[in-house]
Protein backbone atom coordinates (compact mmCIF):
# COMPACT_ATOMS: atom_id res chain seq x y z
CA MET A 1 -79.43 38.02 60.10
CA ASN A 2 -82.91 37.72 59.22
CA LYS A 3 -84.34 34.22 59.65
CA LYS A 4 -85.84 33.93 56.24
CA LEU A 5 -82.71 35.07 54.49
CA LEU A 6 -80.67 32.57 56.67
CA VAL A 7 -82.91 29.72 55.69
CA LEU A 8 -82.82 30.76 51.99
CA LEU A 9 -78.85 30.95 52.00
CA LEU A 10 -78.68 27.48 53.73
CA VAL A 11 -80.98 26.08 51.07
CA PHE A 12 -78.84 27.60 48.19
CA MET A 13 -75.48 26.41 49.85
CA SER A 14 -76.95 22.88 50.29
CA LEU A 15 -78.12 22.60 46.76
CA SER A 16 -74.76 23.74 45.44
CA LEU A 17 -73.12 21.26 47.55
CA LEU A 18 -75.29 18.49 46.30
CA GLY A 19 -74.63 19.76 42.78
CA ILE A 20 -70.89 19.38 43.23
CA VAL A 21 -71.34 15.94 44.81
CA PHE A 22 -73.38 14.84 41.76
CA VAL A 23 -70.93 16.34 39.26
CA GLN A 24 -68.03 14.49 41.04
CA GLY A 25 -69.92 11.36 41.02
CA TYR A 26 -70.66 11.62 37.54
CA TRP A 27 -67.21 12.45 36.56
CA ILE A 28 -65.74 9.47 38.65
CA ARG A 29 -68.28 7.14 36.78
CA ASN A 30 -67.42 8.31 33.37
CA ALA A 31 -63.63 8.14 34.11
CA TYR A 32 -64.29 4.46 35.27
CA LEU A 33 -66.34 3.64 32.22
CA THR A 34 -63.60 5.23 29.92
CA THR A 35 -60.88 3.47 31.55
CA GLN A 36 -62.52 0.34 31.48
CA ASP A 37 -63.19 0.64 27.62
CA GLN A 38 -59.77 1.39 27.07
CA TYR A 39 -58.47 -1.38 29.15
CA VAL A 40 -60.77 -3.84 27.11
CA THR A 41 -59.51 -2.43 23.76
CA ASN A 42 -55.87 -2.76 24.86
CA ILE A 43 -56.52 -6.43 25.89
CA ARG A 44 -58.05 -7.20 22.56
CA ASN A 45 -55.42 -5.49 20.48
CA SER A 46 -52.79 -7.30 22.54
CA LEU A 47 -54.43 -10.80 21.98
CA ILE A 48 -54.65 -9.99 18.13
CA ASP A 49 -51.14 -9.00 17.88
CA ALA A 50 -50.08 -12.00 19.87
CA ALA A 51 -51.99 -14.26 17.51
CA LYS A 52 -50.28 -12.65 14.62
CA LYS A 53 -46.98 -12.99 16.13
CA ILE A 54 -47.45 -16.70 16.98
CA GLN A 55 -48.49 -17.36 13.53
CA LEU A 56 -45.60 -15.47 11.86
CA LYS A 57 -43.06 -17.06 14.42
CA GLU A 58 -44.24 -20.54 13.11
CA LEU A 59 -43.89 -19.58 9.52
CA ASP A 60 -40.43 -18.10 10.30
CA ASP A 61 -39.36 -21.36 11.97
CA TYR A 62 -40.69 -23.08 8.74
CA TYR A 63 -38.63 -20.93 6.44
CA SER A 64 -35.59 -21.46 8.64
CA ILE A 65 -35.78 -25.35 8.41
CA TYR A 66 -36.46 -25.15 4.86
CA PHE A 67 -33.37 -23.04 4.06
CA ASP A 68 -31.34 -24.99 6.38
CA LEU A 69 -32.22 -28.18 4.35
CA ILE A 70 -31.52 -26.48 1.10
CA SER A 71 -28.06 -25.42 2.44
CA LYS A 72 -26.96 -28.92 3.15
CA SER A 73 -28.23 -30.49 -0.06
CA GLU A 74 -25.93 -31.85 -2.67
CA GLU A 75 -26.60 -29.08 -5.01
CA SER A 76 -27.66 -25.64 -4.17
CA ILE A 77 -31.05 -24.56 -5.59
CA PRO A 78 -31.60 -20.76 -5.46
CA LEU A 79 -34.90 -19.76 -3.89
CA SER A 80 -35.30 -17.11 -6.64
CA ASP A 81 -35.45 -19.60 -9.33
CA LEU A 82 -38.32 -21.61 -7.75
CA ILE A 83 -41.67 -20.68 -9.09
CA TYR A 84 -44.08 -23.35 -8.34
CA ALA A 85 -44.35 -26.62 -6.16
CA LEU A 86 -46.90 -29.35 -6.86
CA ARG A 87 -47.61 -32.52 -4.92
CA LYS A 88 -48.63 -35.29 -7.28
CA ASP A 89 -50.82 -38.15 -6.66
CA SER A 90 -48.12 -40.46 -6.83
CA GLY A 91 -46.63 -38.94 -3.69
CA THR A 92 -43.65 -37.38 -5.31
CA GLU A 93 -43.19 -33.47 -5.43
CA GLU A 94 -42.42 -31.72 -8.81
CA LEU A 95 -40.46 -28.55 -8.50
CA ILE A 96 -40.66 -26.40 -11.51
CA PHE A 97 -37.75 -24.03 -12.45
CA SER A 98 -37.42 -21.40 -15.23
CA ASP A 99 -35.64 -23.84 -17.64
CA ALA A 100 -36.38 -27.37 -16.28
CA VAL A 101 -38.58 -29.61 -14.20
CA ILE A 102 -36.87 -31.40 -11.40
CA GLU A 103 -38.58 -34.55 -10.08
CA GLU A 104 -37.58 -35.75 -6.54
CA ASP A 105 -38.65 -39.09 -5.09
CA PHE A 106 -39.63 -37.84 -1.83
CA LYS A 107 -42.64 -35.68 -0.50
CA LEU A 108 -42.35 -32.66 1.83
CA SER A 109 -42.97 -34.10 5.14
CA SER A 110 -44.82 -32.36 8.17
CA SER A 111 -41.87 -33.38 10.20
CA LEU A 112 -39.79 -30.55 8.71
CA LEU A 113 -41.88 -28.45 11.14
CA LEU A 114 -41.50 -30.56 14.04
CA THR A 115 -37.81 -32.00 14.08
CA ASN A 116 -34.81 -31.58 11.75
CA ARG A 117 -33.58 -35.14 13.00
CA ASN A 118 -34.04 -36.76 9.65
CA ARG A 119 -33.75 -33.68 7.29
CA ASN A 120 -30.25 -34.67 5.88
CA LYS A 121 -31.53 -38.11 4.80
CA TYR A 122 -34.21 -36.66 2.49
CA PHE A 123 -31.82 -34.79 0.55
CA ALA A 124 -29.02 -37.34 0.82
CA ASN A 125 -31.16 -39.87 -0.98
CA LYS A 126 -32.86 -37.50 -3.62
CA GLU A 127 -32.54 -38.25 -7.31
CA ARG A 128 -32.71 -35.63 -10.01
CA ASN A 129 -34.03 -36.04 -13.40
CA ILE A 130 -33.67 -32.89 -15.55
CA ILE A 131 -36.03 -32.68 -18.36
CA ASN A 132 -35.56 -30.01 -21.00
CA ASP A 133 -39.14 -28.94 -21.74
CA GLU A 134 -39.38 -25.31 -21.92
CA ASP A 135 -43.04 -25.46 -23.05
CA GLY A 136 -43.85 -27.16 -19.75
CA VAL A 137 -43.07 -23.71 -17.85
CA SER A 138 -43.82 -21.33 -20.54
CA LYS A 139 -47.22 -20.59 -19.40
CA GLY A 140 -47.26 -18.03 -16.68
CA GLU A 141 -43.53 -17.85 -16.44
CA ASN A 142 -43.33 -14.13 -17.37
CA THR A 143 -45.71 -13.20 -14.74
CA PHE A 144 -44.29 -15.28 -11.71
CA ARG A 145 -40.48 -15.19 -12.68
CA ARG A 146 -38.58 -14.28 -9.63
CA LEU A 147 -41.27 -12.62 -7.66
CA LYS A 148 -40.52 -12.93 -4.08
CA ASP A 149 -44.19 -12.09 -2.93
CA TYR A 150 -45.46 -15.09 -4.97
CA GLU A 151 -42.63 -17.34 -3.64
CA ARG A 152 -43.70 -16.39 -0.02
CA ASN A 153 -47.35 -17.09 -0.76
CA GLN A 154 -46.39 -20.38 -2.24
CA PHE A 155 -44.34 -21.32 0.95
CA GLU A 156 -47.23 -20.13 3.16
CA ASN A 157 -49.77 -22.32 1.28
CA VAL A 158 -47.56 -25.44 1.60
CA PHE A 159 -46.81 -24.43 5.36
CA LYS A 160 -50.49 -24.20 6.16
CA LYS A 161 -51.45 -27.34 4.48
CA ILE A 162 -48.83 -29.15 6.61
CA SER A 163 -49.60 -27.44 9.89
CA ALA A 164 -53.20 -27.89 9.64
CA GLU A 165 -52.38 -31.73 10.31
CA THR A 166 -49.90 -30.95 13.20
CA PRO A 167 -51.21 -31.07 16.80
CA ILE A 168 -51.64 -27.78 18.54
CA HIS A 169 -49.14 -28.74 21.41
CA ARG A 170 -46.42 -29.13 18.70
CA ARG A 171 -47.13 -25.94 16.87
CA VAL A 172 -46.89 -23.70 20.15
CA SER A 173 -45.98 -24.32 23.67
CA LYS A 174 -47.49 -23.02 26.81
CA ASN A 175 -44.22 -21.09 27.57
CA GLU A 176 -43.97 -19.60 24.24
CA LEU A 177 -47.54 -18.52 24.42
CA LYS A 178 -46.96 -16.85 27.75
CA THR A 179 -43.90 -15.02 26.66
CA ILE A 180 -45.55 -13.61 23.58
CA LEU A 181 -48.53 -12.60 25.76
CA ASP A 182 -46.60 -10.95 28.25
CA GLN A 183 -44.64 -8.98 25.63
CA GLU A 184 -47.85 -7.58 23.95
CA LEU A 185 -49.54 -6.90 27.43
CA ASN A 186 -46.45 -5.07 28.50
CA LYS A 187 -46.28 -2.96 25.51
CA ARG A 188 -49.62 -1.48 26.51
CA ASP A 189 -48.73 -1.23 30.14
CA ILE A 190 -51.14 -3.99 31.29
CA GLU A 191 -49.38 -5.72 34.19
CA THR A 192 -51.85 -8.06 35.81
CA VAL A 193 -52.35 -11.75 36.53
CA TYR A 194 -54.13 -13.77 33.88
CA GLU A 195 -54.95 -17.36 33.11
CA PHE A 196 -55.05 -18.79 29.43
CA ALA A 197 -56.02 -21.77 27.47
CA VAL A 198 -56.32 -22.98 23.77
CA TYR A 199 -59.45 -24.41 22.60
CA SER A 200 -60.00 -26.74 19.56
CA ASN A 201 -63.49 -26.62 18.27
CA ASP A 202 -64.79 -25.75 21.59
CA LEU A 203 -62.86 -28.35 23.39
CA SER A 204 -59.92 -27.56 25.75
CA THR A 205 -56.50 -28.64 24.80
CA ASN A 206 -53.52 -29.19 26.86
CA VAL A 207 -51.84 -25.91 25.84
CA GLY A 208 -52.83 -23.55 28.72
CA THR A 209 -52.54 -22.73 32.48
CA GLU A 210 -53.82 -25.07 35.19
CA ASN A 211 -56.11 -22.56 36.83
CA PHE A 212 -57.94 -21.32 33.79
CA SER A 213 -61.66 -21.06 34.05
CA LEU A 214 -63.98 -19.72 31.27
CA ASN A 215 -65.89 -16.61 32.63
CA PRO A 216 -67.72 -14.78 30.03
CA ASP A 217 -67.38 -11.41 32.02
CA THR A 218 -63.55 -11.46 32.21
CA THR A 219 -62.46 -13.67 29.45
CA TYR A 220 -61.40 -12.58 26.01
CA SER A 221 -60.65 -14.83 22.94
CA VAL A 222 -58.78 -14.55 19.65
CA ALA A 223 -58.56 -17.04 16.64
CA LEU A 224 -55.24 -18.75 16.41
CA PHE A 225 -53.53 -20.00 12.94
CA VAL A 226 -56.09 -18.54 10.71
CA ASP A 227 -56.04 -20.04 7.06
CA ASP A 228 -56.59 -17.98 3.95
CA LYS A 229 -60.38 -18.34 4.33
CA SER A 230 -60.11 -16.68 7.68
CA TYR A 231 -61.10 -20.03 9.26
CA SER A 232 -59.43 -21.45 12.43
CA LYS A 233 -60.25 -24.36 14.78
CA TYR A 234 -58.29 -23.02 17.35
CA ARG A 235 -59.07 -20.02 19.74
CA LEU A 236 -56.91 -18.68 22.55
CA PHE A 237 -58.99 -17.70 25.68
CA VAL A 238 -57.48 -15.34 28.31
CA ASN A 239 -59.18 -14.77 31.81
CA PHE A 240 -58.15 -11.54 33.54
CA THR A 241 -59.56 -12.34 37.05
CA ASN A 242 -58.84 -9.07 38.60
CA GLN A 243 -59.90 -6.75 35.82
CA ASP A 244 -62.34 -4.50 37.75
CA LYS A 245 -59.70 -3.90 40.47
CA ILE A 246 -57.08 -2.95 37.99
CA VAL A 247 -59.49 -0.49 36.31
CA LEU A 248 -60.40 0.81 39.71
CA ASN A 249 -56.85 1.16 40.75
CA SER A 250 -56.00 3.23 37.69
CA ILE A 251 -58.55 5.92 38.60
CA LEU A 252 -58.26 5.33 42.49
CA GLY A 253 -55.80 8.27 43.07
CA MET A 254 -58.03 11.03 41.43
CA ALA A 255 -61.15 9.63 42.83
CA ILE A 256 -59.63 9.61 46.43
CA LEU A 257 -58.42 13.33 45.82
CA SER A 258 -61.87 14.10 44.47
CA LEU A 259 -63.45 12.65 47.49
CA ILE A 260 -61.08 14.33 49.95
CA PHE A 261 -61.79 17.80 48.28
CA THR A 262 -65.56 16.99 48.42
CA GLY A 263 -65.08 16.07 52.15
CA VAL A 264 -63.29 19.38 52.80
CA ILE A 265 -66.02 21.37 51.11
CA PHE A 266 -68.67 19.28 53.35
CA TRP A 267 -66.55 20.27 56.40
CA ALA A 268 -66.20 23.84 55.41
CA PHE A 269 -70.08 23.98 54.71
CA TYR A 270 -70.83 22.31 58.11
CA SER A 271 -68.54 24.69 59.80
CA ALA A 272 -69.72 27.73 58.21
CA VAL A 273 -73.44 26.79 58.91
CA ARG A 274 -72.42 25.79 62.58
CA GLN A 275 -70.57 29.18 63.05
CA ILE A 276 -73.53 31.15 61.51
CA LEU A 277 -76.09 29.33 63.97
CA GLN A 278 -73.54 29.71 66.93
CA GLN A 279 -73.19 33.34 66.12
CA ARG A 280 -76.87 33.88 65.72
CA GLN A 281 -77.44 32.02 69.12
CA ILE A 282 -74.70 33.90 70.97
CA SER A 283 -76.18 37.13 69.58
CA GLN A 284 -79.66 36.11 70.94
CA ILE A 285 -78.29 34.98 74.31
CA LYS A 286 -76.30 38.15 74.80
CA THR A 287 -79.56 40.14 73.98
CA ASP A 288 -81.24 38.01 76.68
CA PHE A 289 -78.43 38.61 79.06
CA ILE A 290 -78.61 42.26 78.54
CA ASN A 291 -82.40 42.39 79.03
CA ASN A 292 -82.00 40.19 82.13
CA MET A 293 -79.26 42.12 83.75
CA THR A 294 -81.12 45.43 82.96
CA HIS A 295 -83.88 43.86 84.88
CA GLU A 296 -81.59 42.83 87.82
CA PHE A 297 -80.25 46.39 88.15
CA LYS A 298 -83.34 48.29 87.40
CA THR A 299 -85.21 46.90 90.38
CA PRO A 300 -82.64 47.70 93.01
CA ILE A 301 -82.09 51.17 91.24
CA ALA A 302 -85.79 51.90 91.50
CA THR A 303 -85.93 50.81 95.17
CA ILE A 304 -82.87 53.05 95.88
CA ASN A 305 -84.51 55.97 94.23
CA LEU A 306 -87.65 55.33 96.17
CA ALA A 307 -85.71 55.27 99.42
CA LEU A 308 -83.85 58.47 98.61
CA ASP A 309 -87.14 60.34 97.82
CA ALA A 310 -88.49 59.06 101.08
CA LEU A 311 -85.44 60.49 103.02
CA LYS A 312 -86.42 63.77 101.72
CA ASN A 313 -89.51 63.87 103.42
CA PRO A 314 -89.18 65.89 106.74
CA LYS A 315 -91.25 63.40 108.58
CA VAL A 316 -88.84 60.58 107.66
CA LYS A 317 -85.97 62.62 108.85
CA ASP A 318 -87.37 63.15 112.27
CA ASN A 319 -88.33 59.62 112.65
CA GLN A 320 -84.96 57.36 113.25
CA GLU A 321 -86.92 54.22 112.79
CA PHE A 322 -87.93 54.92 109.25
CA LEU A 323 -84.68 56.53 108.52
CA GLN A 324 -82.73 53.48 109.48
CA ARG A 325 -85.10 51.21 107.56
CA TYR A 326 -84.84 53.20 104.34
CA LEU A 327 -80.96 53.46 104.79
CA GLY A 328 -80.76 49.72 105.31
CA MET A 329 -82.79 49.16 102.06
CA ILE A 330 -80.40 51.30 100.25
CA ARG A 331 -77.42 49.27 101.55
CA GLU A 332 -78.97 45.89 100.75
CA GLU A 333 -79.84 46.95 97.25
CA ASN A 334 -76.41 48.47 96.64
CA LYS A 335 -74.89 45.02 97.90
CA ARG A 336 -77.28 43.29 95.48
CA MET A 337 -75.94 45.13 92.55
CA HIS A 338 -72.48 44.79 93.72
CA ALA A 339 -72.86 40.99 93.87
CA GLN A 340 -74.11 41.00 90.39
CA VAL A 341 -71.16 42.94 89.09
CA GLU A 342 -68.73 40.75 91.13
CA ASN A 343 -70.46 37.47 89.41
CA VAL A 344 -69.78 39.09 85.88
CA LEU A 345 -66.24 40.05 86.80
CA ARG A 346 -65.62 36.70 88.40
CA ILE A 347 -66.43 34.82 85.04
CA SER A 348 -64.33 37.18 83.08
CA LYS A 349 -61.37 36.61 85.34
CA LEU A 350 -61.89 32.72 85.20
CA ASP A 351 -61.91 33.07 81.24
CA LYS A 352 -58.48 34.98 81.52
CA ASN A 353 -57.10 32.42 84.18
CA GLU A 354 -56.68 35.62 86.34
CA LEU A 355 -58.62 34.15 89.42
CA ASN A 356 -56.28 33.04 91.97
CA LEU A 357 -57.50 30.07 94.15
CA ASP A 358 -55.79 29.45 97.38
CA LYS A 359 -56.69 26.11 98.42
CA GLU A 360 -56.66 24.72 101.95
CA ARG A 361 -58.11 21.71 103.88
CA VAL A 362 -61.78 22.33 104.37
CA LYS A 363 -64.55 20.13 105.54
CA LEU A 364 -67.32 19.89 102.90
CA HIS A 365 -69.96 19.49 105.49
CA ASP A 366 -69.09 22.88 107.15
CA VAL A 367 -69.14 24.45 103.46
CA ILE A 368 -72.69 23.20 103.02
CA GLU A 369 -74.05 24.37 106.23
CA ASP A 370 -72.46 27.84 105.45
CA ALA A 371 -74.05 27.94 101.95
CA ILE A 372 -77.49 26.90 103.33
CA SER A 373 -77.42 29.65 105.66
CA HIS A 374 -77.08 32.12 102.76
CA VAL A 375 -80.43 31.01 101.56
CA GLN A 376 -82.24 29.80 104.55
CA LEU A 377 -84.33 32.83 105.02
CA ILE A 378 -85.49 32.94 101.30
CA VAL A 379 -86.48 29.29 101.55
CA GLU A 380 -88.37 29.72 104.69
CA ASP A 381 -89.95 33.06 103.46
CA ARG A 382 -91.49 30.82 100.52
CA GLY A 383 -92.68 28.15 102.85
CA GLY A 384 -90.00 25.52 101.89
CA TYR A 385 -87.04 23.67 103.30
CA VAL A 386 -83.56 22.48 102.84
CA ASN A 387 -82.76 19.09 104.62
CA THR A 388 -79.36 17.61 104.99
CA HIS A 389 -78.51 13.94 104.90
CA PHE A 390 -74.79 13.69 105.68
CA GLY A 391 -74.01 9.96 105.01
CA ALA A 392 -70.14 10.74 104.37
CA PHE A 393 -67.97 9.79 107.32
CA LYS A 394 -65.05 11.60 105.66
CA SER A 395 -65.54 15.18 104.24
CA SER A 396 -62.07 16.81 104.25
CA VAL A 397 -61.14 18.16 100.64
CA LEU A 398 -58.49 20.52 99.29
CA ALA A 399 -60.35 23.71 98.24
CA ASN A 400 -60.95 27.38 98.45
CA ASP A 401 -63.60 27.81 101.01
CA SER A 402 -65.00 30.96 99.53
CA HIS A 403 -65.48 29.64 95.93
CA LEU A 404 -66.54 26.27 96.99
CA THR A 405 -69.19 28.03 99.16
CA ASN A 406 -70.33 30.15 96.08
CA VAL A 407 -70.69 26.96 94.15
CA VAL A 408 -73.21 25.29 96.58
CA VAL A 409 -74.87 28.63 96.89
CA ASN A 410 -75.46 28.88 93.18
CA ILE A 411 -76.88 25.47 92.90
CA LEU A 412 -79.04 26.12 95.80
CA ASP A 413 -80.20 29.35 94.41
CA ASN A 414 -81.10 27.68 91.13
CA ALA A 415 -83.21 25.02 93.06
CA ILE A 416 -85.14 27.88 94.67
CA LYS A 417 -85.57 29.88 91.41
CA TYR A 418 -86.93 26.92 89.39
CA SER A 419 -89.30 25.64 92.19
CA GLU A 420 -92.59 27.14 91.06
CA ASP A 421 -94.34 26.38 94.52
CA THR A 422 -92.54 25.91 97.87
CA PRO A 423 -88.66 25.02 97.59
CA LYS A 424 -88.08 21.48 98.65
CA ILE A 425 -84.38 20.91 98.67
CA ASP A 426 -82.51 17.74 99.93
CA VAL A 427 -78.68 17.79 100.38
CA LEU A 428 -77.01 14.41 100.60
CA THR A 429 -73.40 13.35 100.98
CA GLU A 430 -71.55 9.91 100.74
CA ASN A 431 -68.18 8.42 100.53
CA VAL A 432 -67.20 6.40 97.46
CA LYS A 433 -63.67 5.15 97.49
CA ASP A 434 -61.25 8.00 97.99
CA CYS A 435 -64.00 10.61 96.95
CA ILE A 436 -66.98 12.37 98.50
CA ILE A 437 -70.21 12.63 96.28
CA LEU A 438 -72.45 15.77 97.00
CA LYS A 439 -76.05 15.47 95.78
CA ILE A 440 -78.34 18.64 95.78
CA ARG A 441 -81.83 17.41 94.76
CA ASP A 442 -85.02 19.68 94.17
CA GLN A 443 -88.57 18.98 93.13
CA GLY A 444 -88.73 21.85 90.86
CA GLN A 445 -89.79 22.12 87.13
CA GLY A 446 -86.93 20.10 86.04
CA MET A 447 -85.47 20.37 82.40
CA THR A 448 -85.18 18.40 79.12
CA LYS A 449 -82.02 16.19 78.21
CA ALA A 450 -81.16 18.89 75.61
CA ALA A 451 -81.13 21.59 78.26
CA THR A 452 -78.88 19.49 80.62
CA LYS A 453 -76.22 19.57 77.95
CA LYS A 454 -76.20 23.32 77.83
CA ILE A 455 -76.91 24.57 81.34
CA PHE A 456 -73.08 25.08 82.09
CA GLU A 457 -72.59 27.19 78.99
CA LYS A 458 -72.22 31.07 79.66
CA PHE A 459 -75.44 33.08 79.30
CA TYR A 460 -77.51 29.99 78.84
CA ARG A 461 -80.82 30.02 80.75
CA VAL A 462 -83.55 27.42 80.63
CA SER A 463 -86.15 30.23 80.70
CA THR A 464 -84.85 32.15 77.49
CA GLY A 465 -85.81 35.32 75.76
CA ASN A 466 -87.00 38.54 77.45
CA VAL A 467 -89.11 36.69 80.22
CA HIS A 468 -88.37 37.51 83.87
CA ASN A 469 -90.43 34.86 85.59
CA VAL A 470 -86.93 33.60 86.73
CA LYS A 471 -84.38 35.99 87.65
CA GLY A 472 -80.75 35.63 86.64
CA HIS A 473 -78.12 36.16 84.21
CA GLY A 474 -76.99 32.82 83.00
CA LEU A 475 -73.58 33.01 84.46
CA GLY A 476 -74.08 31.09 87.79
CA LEU A 477 -73.66 27.41 86.59
CA ALA A 478 -70.85 28.58 84.04
CA TYR A 479 -69.00 29.83 87.27
CA VAL A 480 -69.75 26.63 89.15
CA LYS A 481 -68.35 24.47 86.37
CA GLN A 482 -65.17 26.44 86.03
CA ILE A 483 -64.63 26.51 89.82
CA LEU A 484 -64.98 22.79 90.00
CA ASP A 485 -62.76 22.21 87.03
CA ASP A 486 -60.04 24.01 88.77
CA HIS A 487 -60.53 21.78 91.95
CA ASP A 488 -60.44 18.84 89.56
CA ALA A 489 -63.89 17.89 90.63
CA GLU A 490 -66.56 16.59 88.42
CA ILE A 491 -70.23 17.75 88.19
CA TYR A 492 -73.16 15.79 86.62
CA VAL A 493 -76.82 16.66 86.23
CA GLU A 494 -79.89 14.39 86.31
CA SER A 495 -83.23 15.90 85.64
CA GLU A 496 -86.61 15.02 84.29
CA LEU A 497 -89.05 17.52 83.17
CA ASN A 498 -91.75 18.38 85.90
CA LYS A 499 -90.12 16.00 88.27
CA GLY A 500 -87.06 18.03 89.50
CA THR A 501 -83.14 18.14 89.07
CA THR A 502 -80.34 16.51 90.85
CA PHE A 503 -76.82 18.09 90.71
CA ILE A 504 -74.12 15.56 91.71
CA ILE A 505 -70.52 16.85 92.58
CA LYS A 506 -67.52 14.42 93.15
CA LEU A 507 -64.66 15.76 95.16
CA HIS A 508 -61.34 14.02 95.89
CA LEU A 509 -60.90 13.46 99.69
CA ILE A 510 -57.43 14.31 101.40
CA THR A 511 -56.16 12.48 104.48
């Protein structure tokens, strides 16, 4: 894929993903605000209905007590015949009926609303004086006769005048108030802990819960016992301490699902980008591998062609020394190509777990000596050295001799390749507990920390691209890692650019 096209694609995908995140965040915020508004509206409506219910309940109680008194009086007075009640200055109450005026020597006491303990004595001691004066009631009689709405208004007027002088704790109790609040809140599916209190002219009363605190952000209020002029000296305050938590919980499920889906999209985007970049890298690595392998085979093939052309020369045919020299050159170059093919096939077999490793007791020091002998001539030809420092007293391990030797050879070969001047290599061993530590240290060009994390990947080479200043195919260290994994061994790399590299191998000893 073209690099510019890839960058453009990644930019558009990133912008699209950010757009999705923004829309999700905007939706969640709007959902939260809408739910919060609905929650506040439900609370306010619940308080308004609760206040109405409390006032109606008090009025109903008044009606009940009044009718109870009437039913136990000496003479039944039909409610439908009552039109008007007036409290005179003398303290007596005048009841006006359709055809008479009844004067009673008692006044309607506020105790009717508080207790019915003395209700019988009021009516037991009453005296009636019937005055036949139709003129006294003729005015307005045609309008108000037998009007139940009017009767209700009259009772309410009397009731409100009496109630206004009654202490709040006698008009409604804390338990009654809580029961009505619970009922109204439950109607709107508001299940939460709350504290409440009734205030009278901005002063707290003893009607309320103990833990109530007035918080402007979470406290709502409503007027209690409103008169005809919409005035009330009492206000009910209710504090919902966990309001934000309730609102958040109501949208939490959808918000979590939204975040999960957004996370899945992020993960898919990351995976897609990672796969694209990996495929692009693999494609580049394979191209480098093909170029490097072509170079590895091109040189021996060219050498073989030259040797074959030389063998056609009659002078060479007659000279046994030249003949053997060119034949030996062909043989060595053929071995070189064969070794390259074997390396590739070996990695392929390791990937498929088809490589059989027959392990036996071997001495690691002997393996190291054998591996050094394979590269000794190359090192000496470049004027370098391989020094051994065997500090381990025990070196017996369970391993495959051939493959373990190849592991050491590959590491030594890398040390030689990446030494720009003369190769200077030190091989050290030491015993640590029940293990033997092998260190192969060079003074070559070294590598960055980023490179040390990738050197055991297949086809990876520190010198990338179609550059052949360092020969190889990028499979040597991948082979090393897989062989050591099969031996239950560990390998580490310590390197610093321009200061050399140290490979550390840790193998388990056997007794």
